[in-house]
Amino acid sequence: MFVGKDGMRSGLFLVLLLMCSHMRGQQDGALDLVQAVVDGLRSPQQAHEAALLIQEHTGIAVCRVDHNTRNLMLQVGPGIALNASMLDQWLTGLQLHVRCYRRIPHATGPFHHLDPRHCGLDPADR
């Protein structure tokens, strides 16, 4: 059976596309979700600066800092050493502080915001 140049190109493109989507799915499934509440945010611009600053560090695949909810969301590789103290160090220059740090290994479920009004508070203080 003879396949023309266009057929071979289409077939090769399809194979490459399937390989890339399969590899992408494996990478996404292997990432840990990191969440925290960021105290001290004063503007959307400052939240954007914080996200860019964190994103510069090795192993951070995705970083979002939301001014309105004061939530930080990261996706990091499972082998990346990261904790709340490290984030605080990185954000010191912007006068920001994180609390309610949590890391969920191989997170695949939906993202839920942390409530900055109650997160990290003793139930009696709520």
Foldseek 3Di string as FASTA:
>chain_A
DDDDPVRVVVVVVVVVVVVVVVVVVVVLQQWKKKKWAKPDDDDPVLQVVLQVLVVPDPFWPGWGADRVQSMIITIGGPPDDDDQVVSCVSCVVVVMHIDLIDMGGSDDDDDDGDHPVPRPDDVVVD
